[in-house]
PDB file of N, CA and C in Angstrom:
ATOM      1  N   MET A   1      26.368 -19.197 122.255  1.00  0.00           N
ATOM      2  CA  MET A   1      25.809 -19.623 120.992  1.00  0.00           C
ATOM      3  C   MET A   1      26.121 -18.606 119.899  1.00  0.00           C
ATOM      4  N   LYS A   2      26.130 -17.332 120.287  1.00  0.00           N
ATOM      5  CA  LYS A   2      26.434 -16.278 119.324  1.00  0.00           C
ATOM      6  C   LYS A   2      27.863 -16.436 118.801  1.00  0.00           C
ATOM      7  N   ASP A   3      28.772 -16.849 119.693  1.00  0.00           N
ATOM      8  CA  ASP A   3      30.162 -17.050 119.284  1.00  0.00           C
ATOM      9  C   ASP A   3      30.276 -18.142 118.223  1.00  0.00           C
ATOM     10  N   PHE A   4      29.523 -19.215 118.418  1.00  0.00           N
ATOM     11  CA  PHE A   4      29.552 -20.309 117.459  1.00  0.00           C
ATOM     12  C   PHE A   4      29.077 -19.849 116.088  1.00  0.00           C
ATOM     13  N   PHE A   5      27.991 -19.078 116.059  1.00  0.00           N
ATOM     14  CA  PHE A   5      27.463 -18.609 114.779  1.00  0.00           C
ATOM     15  C   PHE A   5      28.429 -17.659 114.079  1.00  0.00           C
ATOM     16  N   ILE A   6      29.088 -16.807 114.831  1.00  0.00           N
ATOM     17  CA  ILE A   6      30.072 -15.898 114.231  1.00  0.00           C
ATOM     18  C   ILE A   6      31.213 -16.694 113.621  1.00  0.00           C
ATOM     19  N   ARG A   7      31.720 -17.678 114.367  1.00  0.00           N
ATOM     20  CA  ARG A   7      32.810 -18.513 113.861  1.00  0.00           C
ATOM     21  C   ARG A   7      32.377 -19.301 112.640  1.00  0.00           C
ATOM     22  N   ALA A   8      31.205 -19.905 112.701  1.00  0.00           N
ATOM     23  CA  ALA A   8      30.733 -20.747 111.603  1.00  0.00           C
ATOM     24  C   ALA A   8      30.470 -19.935 110.340  1.00  0.00           C
ATOM     25  N   ILE A   9      29.780 -18.829 110.471  1.00  0.00           N
ATOM     26  CA  ILE A   9      29.444 -18.023 109.294  1.00  0.00           C
ATOM     27  C   ILE A   9      30.689 -17.423 108.666  1.00  0.00           C
ATOM     28  N   SER A  10      31.598 -16.897 109.485  1.00  0.00           N
ATOM     29  CA  SER A  10      32.820 -16.325 108.915  1.00  0.00           C
ATOM     30  C   SER A  10      33.689 -17.414 108.294  1.00  0.00           C
ATOM     31  N   GLY A  11      33.712 -18.603 108.895  1.00  0.00           N
ATOM     32  CA  GLY A  11      34.456 -19.717 108.306  1.00  0.00           C
ATOM     33  C   GLY A  11      33.894 -20.125 106.955  1.00  0.00           C
ATOM     34  N   PHE A  12      32.560 -20.178 106.847  1.00  0.00           N
ATOM     35  CA  PHE A  12      31.936 -20.519 105.566  1.00  0.00           C
ATOM     36  C   PHE A  12      32.184 -19.447 104.509  1.00  0.00           C
ATOM     37  N   ILE A  13      32.181 -18.204 104.913  1.00  0.00           N
ATOM     38  CA  ILE A  13      32.461 -17.127 103.956  1.00  0.00           C
ATOM     39  C   ILE A  13      33.891 -17.229 103.446  1.00  0.00           C
ATOM     40  N   ILE A  14      34.831 -17.474 104.339  1.00  0.00           N
ATOM     41  CA  ILE A  14      36.231 -17.623 103.928  1.00  0.00           C
ATOM     42  C   ILE A  14      36.385 -18.845 103.036  1.00  0.00           C
ATOM     43  N   LEU A  15      35.729 -19.943 103.399  1.00  0.00           N
ATOM     44  CA  LEU A  15      35.781 -21.153 102.580  1.00  0.00           C
ATOM     45  C   LEU A  15      35.198 -20.894 101.194  1.00  0.00           C
ATOM     46  N   PHE A  16      34.096 -20.182 101.128  1.00  0.00           N
ATOM     47  CA  PHE A  16      33.495 -19.826  99.839  1.00  0.00           C
ATOM     48  C   PHE A  16      34.470 -19.002  99.005  1.00  0.00           C
ATOM     49  N   LEU A  17      35.082 -18.010  99.631  1.00  0.00           N
ATOM     50  CA  LEU A  17      36.032 -17.168  98.896  1.00  0.00           C
ATOM     51  C   LEU A  17      37.204 -17.985  98.363  1.00  0.00           C
ATOM     52  N   LEU A  18      37.708 -18.896  99.182  1.00  0.00           N
ATOM     53  CA  LEU A  18      38.858 -19.688  98.755  1.00  0.00           C
ATOM     54  C   LEU A  18      38.501 -20.718  97.692  1.00  0.00           C
ATOM     55  N   LEU A  19      37.329 -21.316  97.790  1.00  0.00           N
ATOM     56  CA  LEU A  19      36.973 -22.376  96.843  1.00  0.00           C
ATOM     57  C   LEU A  19      36.391 -21.874  95.526  1.00  0.00           C
ATOM     58  N   TYR A  20      35.701 -20.753  95.549  1.00  0.00           N
ATOM     59  CA  TYR A  20      35.005 -20.317  94.346  1.00  0.00           C
ATOM     60  C   TYR A  20      35.578 -19.068  93.698  1.00  0.00           C
ATOM     61  N   ILE A  21      36.059 -18.148  94.481  1.00  0.00           N
ATOM     62  CA  ILE A  21      36.544 -16.900  93.903  1.00  0.00           C
ATOM     63  C   ILE A  21      38.045 -16.945  93.628  1.00  0.00           C
ATOM     64  N   ALA A  22      38.809 -17.588  94.489  1.00  0.00           N
ATOM     65  CA  ALA A  22      40.260 -17.648  94.293  1.00  0.00           C
ATOM     66  C   ALA A  22      40.656 -18.350  92.987  1.00  0.00           C
ATOM     67  N   PRO A  23      40.010 -19.458  92.575  1.00  0.00           N
ATOM     68  CA  PRO A  23      40.375 -20.046  91.282  1.00  0.00           C
ATOM     69  C   PRO A  23      40.114 -19.113  90.098  1.00  0.00           C
ATOM     70  N   MET A  24      39.104 -18.253  90.231  1.00  0.00           N
ATOM     71  CA  MET A  24      38.838 -17.294  89.157  1.00  0.00           C
ATOM     72  C   MET A  24      39.949 -16.256  89.056  1.00  0.00           C
ATOM     73  N   LEU A  25      40.626 -16.018  90.159  1.00  0.00           N
ATOM     74  CA  LEU A  25      41.732 -15.061  90.181  1.00  0.00           C
ATOM     75  C   LEU A  25      43.069 -15.726  89.854  1.00  0.00           C
ATOM     76  N   GLN A  26      43.021 -17.002  89.496  1.00  0.00           N
ATOM     77  CA  GLN A  26      44.195 -17.770  89.072  1.00  0.00           C
ATOM     78  C   GLN A  26      45.259 -17.896  90.164  1.00  0.00           C
ATOM     79  N   MET A  27      44.835 -18.082  91.398  1.00  0.00           N
ATOM     80  CA  MET A  27      45.787 -18.348  92.477  1.00  0.00           C
ATOM     81  C   MET A  27      46.222 -19.803  92.354  1.00  0.00           C
ATOM     82  N   GLU A  28      47.512 -20.036  92.210  1.00  0.00           N
ATOM     83  CA  GLU A  28      48.019 -21.378  91.914  1.00  0.00           C
ATOM     84  C   GLU A  28      47.740 -22.389  93.012  1.00  0.00           C
ATOM     85  N   TRP A  29      47.905 -22.011  94.268  1.00  0.00           N
ATOM     86  CA  TRP A  29      47.797 -22.988  95.348  1.00  0.00           C
ATOM     87  C   TRP A  29      46.362 -23.427  95.605  1.00  0.00           C
ATOM     88  N   VAL A  30      45.382 -22.771  94.980  1.00  0.00           N
ATOM     89  CA  VAL A  30      43.983 -23.140  95.162  1.00  0.00           C
ATOM     90  C   VAL A  30      43.465 -23.963  93.984  1.00  0.00           C
ATOM     91  N   GLN A  31      44.198 -24.015  92.905  1.00  0.00           N
ATOM     92  CA  GLN A  31      43.752 -24.724  91.708  1.00  0.00           C
ATOM     93  C   GLN A  31      43.635 -26.225  91.977  1.00  0.00           C
ATOM     94  N   PRO A  32      42.671 -26.894  91.340  1.00  0.00           N
ATOM     95  CA  PRO A  32      42.545 -28.349  91.497  1.00  0.00           C
ATOM     96  C   PRO A  32      43.831 -29.051  91.068  1.00  0.00           C
ATOM     97  N   GLY A  33      44.245 -30.011  91.864  1.00  0.00           N
ATOM     98  CA  GLY A  33      45.467 -30.744  91.573  1.00  0.00           C
ATOM     99  C   GLY A  33      46.687 -30.190  92.282  1.00  0.00           C
ATOM    100  N   SER A  34      46.548 -29.069  92.934  1.00  0.00           N
ATOM    101  CA  SER A  34      47.665 -28.476  93.663  1.00  0.00           C
ATOM    102  C   SER A  34      47.885 -29.240  94.968  1.00  0.00           C
ATOM    103  N   PRO A  35      49.145 -29.532  95.314  1.00  0.00           N
ATOM    104  CA  PRO A  35      49.395 -30.254  96.569  1.00  0.00           C
ATOM    105  C   PRO A  35      49.104 -29.413  97.814  1.00  0.00           C
ATOM    106  N   TYR A  36      48.956 -28.122  97.673  1.00  0.00           N
ATOM    107  CA  TYR A  36      48.704 -27.251  98.825  1.00  0.00           C
ATOM    108  C   TYR A  36      47.225 -26.936  99.026  1.00  0.00           C
ATOM    109  N   ARG A  37      46.377 -27.527  98.233  1.00  0.00           N
ATOM    110  CA  ARG A  37      44.945 -27.228  98.317  1.00  0.00           C
ATOM    111  C   ARG A  37      44.328 -27.687  99.637  1.00  0.00           C
ATOM    112  N   PHE A  38      44.960 -28.656 100.303  1.00  0.00           N
ATOM    113  CA  PHE A  38      44.432 -29.143 101.576  1.00  0.00           C
ATOM    114  C   PHE A  38      44.467 -28.069 102.666  1.00  0.00           C
ATOM    115  N   MET A  39      45.196 -26.992 102.439  1.00  0.00           N
ATOM    116  CA  MET A  39      45.306 -25.921 103.428  1.00  0.00           C
ATOM    117  C   MET A  39      44.062 -25.030 103.478  1.00  0.00           C
ATOM    118  N   ILE A  40      43.104 -25.250 102.585  1.00  0.00           N
ATOM    119  CA  ILE A  40      41.922 -24.392 102.535  1.00  0.00           C
ATOM    120  C   ILE A  40      41.089 -24.507 103.815  1.00  0.00           C
ATOM    121  N   VAL A  41      40.827 -25.723 104.273  1.00  0.00           N
ATOM    122  CA  VAL A  41      39.973 -25.906 105.452  1.00  0.00           C
ATOM    123  C   VAL A  41      40.628 -25.362 106.723  1.00  0.00           C
ATOM    124  N   PRO A  42      41.903 -25.688 107.014  1.00  0.00           N
ATOM    125  CA  PRO A  42      42.507 -25.081 108.212  1.00  0.00           C
ATOM    126  C   PRO A  42      42.554 -23.561 108.139  1.00  0.00           C
ATOM    127  N   LEU A  43      42.754 -23.029 106.955  1.00  0.00           N
ATOM    128  CA  LEU A  43      42.776 -21.578 106.793  1.00  0.00           C
ATOM    129  C   LEU A  43      41.403 -20.976 107.094  1.00  0.00           C
ATOM    130  N   ALA A  44      40.350 -21.647 106.674  1.00  0.00           N
ATOM    131  CA  ALA A  44      38.996 -21.170 106.973  1.00  0.00           C
ATOM    132  C   ALA A  44      38.705 -21.254 108.470  1.00  0.00           C
ATOM    133  N   LEU A  45      39.170 -22.315 109.125  1.00  0.00           N
ATOM    134  CA  LEU A  45      38.960 -22.440 110.569  1.00  0.00           C
ATOM    135  C   LEU A  45      39.693 -21.346 111.337  1.00  0.00           C
ATOM    136  N   VAL A  46      40.935 -21.107 110.963  1.00  0.00           N
ATOM    137  CA  VAL A  46      41.714 -20.048 111.616  1.00  0.00           C
ATOM    138  C   VAL A  46      41.084 -18.688 111.341  1.00  0.00           C
ATOM    139  N   GLY A  47      40.606 -18.493 110.130  1.00  0.00           N
ATOM    140  CA  GLY A  47      39.936 -17.235 109.797  1.00  0.00           C
ATOM    141  C   GLY A  47      38.676 -17.023 110.617  1.00  0.00           C
ATOM    142  N   GLY A  48      37.938 -18.094 110.875  1.00  0.00           N
ATOM    143  CA  GLY A  48      36.745 -17.995 111.713  1.00  0.00           C
ATOM    144  C   GLY A  48      37.086 -17.602 113.140  1.00  0.00           C
ATOM    145  N   TRP A  49      38.136 -18.205 113.689  1.00  0.00           N
ATOM    146  CA  TRP A  49      38.575 -17.849 115.041  1.00  0.00           C
ATOM    147  C   TRP A  49      39.071 -16.404 115.085  1.00  0.00           C
ATOM    148  N   ALA A  50      39.782 -15.977 114.055  1.00  0.00           N
ATOM    149  CA  ALA A  50      40.289 -14.602 114.022  1.00  0.00           C
ATOM    150  C   ALA A  50      39.137 -13.599 113.942  1.00  0.00           C
ATOM    151  N   CYS A  51      38.126 -13.898 113.144  1.00  0.00           N
ATOM    152  CA  CYS A  51      36.962 -13.006 113.058  1.00  0.00           C
ATOM    153  C   CYS A  51      36.262 -12.900 114.404  1.00  0.00           C
ATOM    154  N   LEU A  52      36.127 -14.025 115.100  1.00  0.00           N
ATOM    155  CA  LEU A  52      35.504 -14.003 116.420  1.00  0.00           C
ATOM    156  C   LEU A  52      36.329 -13.179 117.394  1.00  0.00           C
ATOM    157  N   PHE A  53      37.646 -13.331 117.361  1.00  0.00           N
ATOM    158  CA  PHE A  53      38.529 -12.569 118.241  1.00  0.00           C
ATOM    159  C   PHE A  53      38.375 -11.072 118.006  1.00  0.00           C
ATOM    160  N   PHE A  54      38.415 -10.657 116.742  1.00  0.00           N
ATOM    161  CA  PHE A  54      38.290  -9.236 116.437  1.00  0.00           C
ATOM    162  C   PHE A  54      36.890  -8.710 116.753  1.00  0.00           C
ATOM    163  N   PHE A  55      35.871  -9.532 116.535  1.00  0.00           N
ATOM    164  CA  PHE A  55      34.511  -9.119 116.871  1.00  0.00           C
ATOM    165  C   PHE A  55      34.386  -8.851 118.369  1.00  0.00           C
ATOM    166  N   LYS A  56      34.915  -9.768 119.180  1.00  0.00           N
ATOM    167  CA  LYS A  56      34.851  -9.580 120.634  1.00  0.00           C
ATOM    168  C   LYS A  56      35.664  -8.367 121.071  1.00  0.00           C
ATOM    169  N   ARG A  57      36.782  -8.158 120.437  1.00  0.00           N
ATOM    170  CA  ARG A  57      37.641  -7.032 120.793  1.00  0.00           C
ATOM    171  C   ARG A  57      36.956  -5.699 120.480  1.00  0.00           C
ATOM    172  N   PHE A  58      36.346  -5.603 119.305  1.00  0.00           N
ATOM    173  CA  PHE A  58      35.660  -4.367 118.936  1.00  0.00           C
ATOM    174  C   PHE A  58      34.369  -4.186 119.736  1.00  0.00           C
ATOM    175  N   GLU A  59      33.733  -5.283 120.094  1.00  0.00           N
ATOM    176  CA  GLU A  59      32.515  -5.213 120.888  1.00  0.00           C
ATOM    177  C   GLU A  59      32.821  -4.688 122.296  1.00  0.00           C
ATOM    178  N   LYS A  60      33.987  -5.056 122.838  1.00  0.00           N
ATOM    179  CA  LYS A  60      34.399  -4.580 124.160  1.00  0.00           C
ATOM    180  C   LYS A  60      34.650  -3.076 124.160  1.00  0.00           C
ATOM    181  N   LYS A  61      35.203  -2.571 123.063  1.00  0.00           N
ATOM    182  CA  LYS A  61      35.552  -1.155 122.990  1.00  0.00           C
ATOM    183  C   LYS A  61      34.332  -0.256 122.880  1.00  0.00           C
ATOM    184  N   LYS A  62      33.207  -0.816 122.454  1.00  0.00           N
ATOM    185  CA  LYS A  62      31.992  -0.011 122.338  1.00  0.00           C
ATOM    186  C   LYS A  62      31.513   0.371 123.729  1.00  0.00           C
ATOM    187  N   THR A  63      31.300   1.635 123.928  1.00  0.00           N
ATOM    188  CA  THR A  63      30.714   2.093 125.187  1.00  0.00           C
ATOM    189  C   THR A  63      29.538   2.991 124.848  1.00  0.00           C
ATOM    190  N   TRP A  64      28.386   2.637 125.343  1.00  0.00           N
ATOM    191  CA  TRP A  64      27.176   3.387 125.026  1.00  0.00           C
ATOM    192  C   TRP A  64      26.848   4.323 126.134  1.00  0.00           C
TER     193      TRP A  64
END
């Protein structure tokens, strides 16, 4: 269950960054009307999986 929450929260954060902050920075492919804007959701999903992968990797390296 923890894995799901890590993936979901990191995916939402990436989605927020792409939808709300990237247009303010004038990134062309994120602007409304761009044919490449559909790539936002797959990018957020991949980002969520990558965050989970790195979280598990760093969690394994911790030795108490």
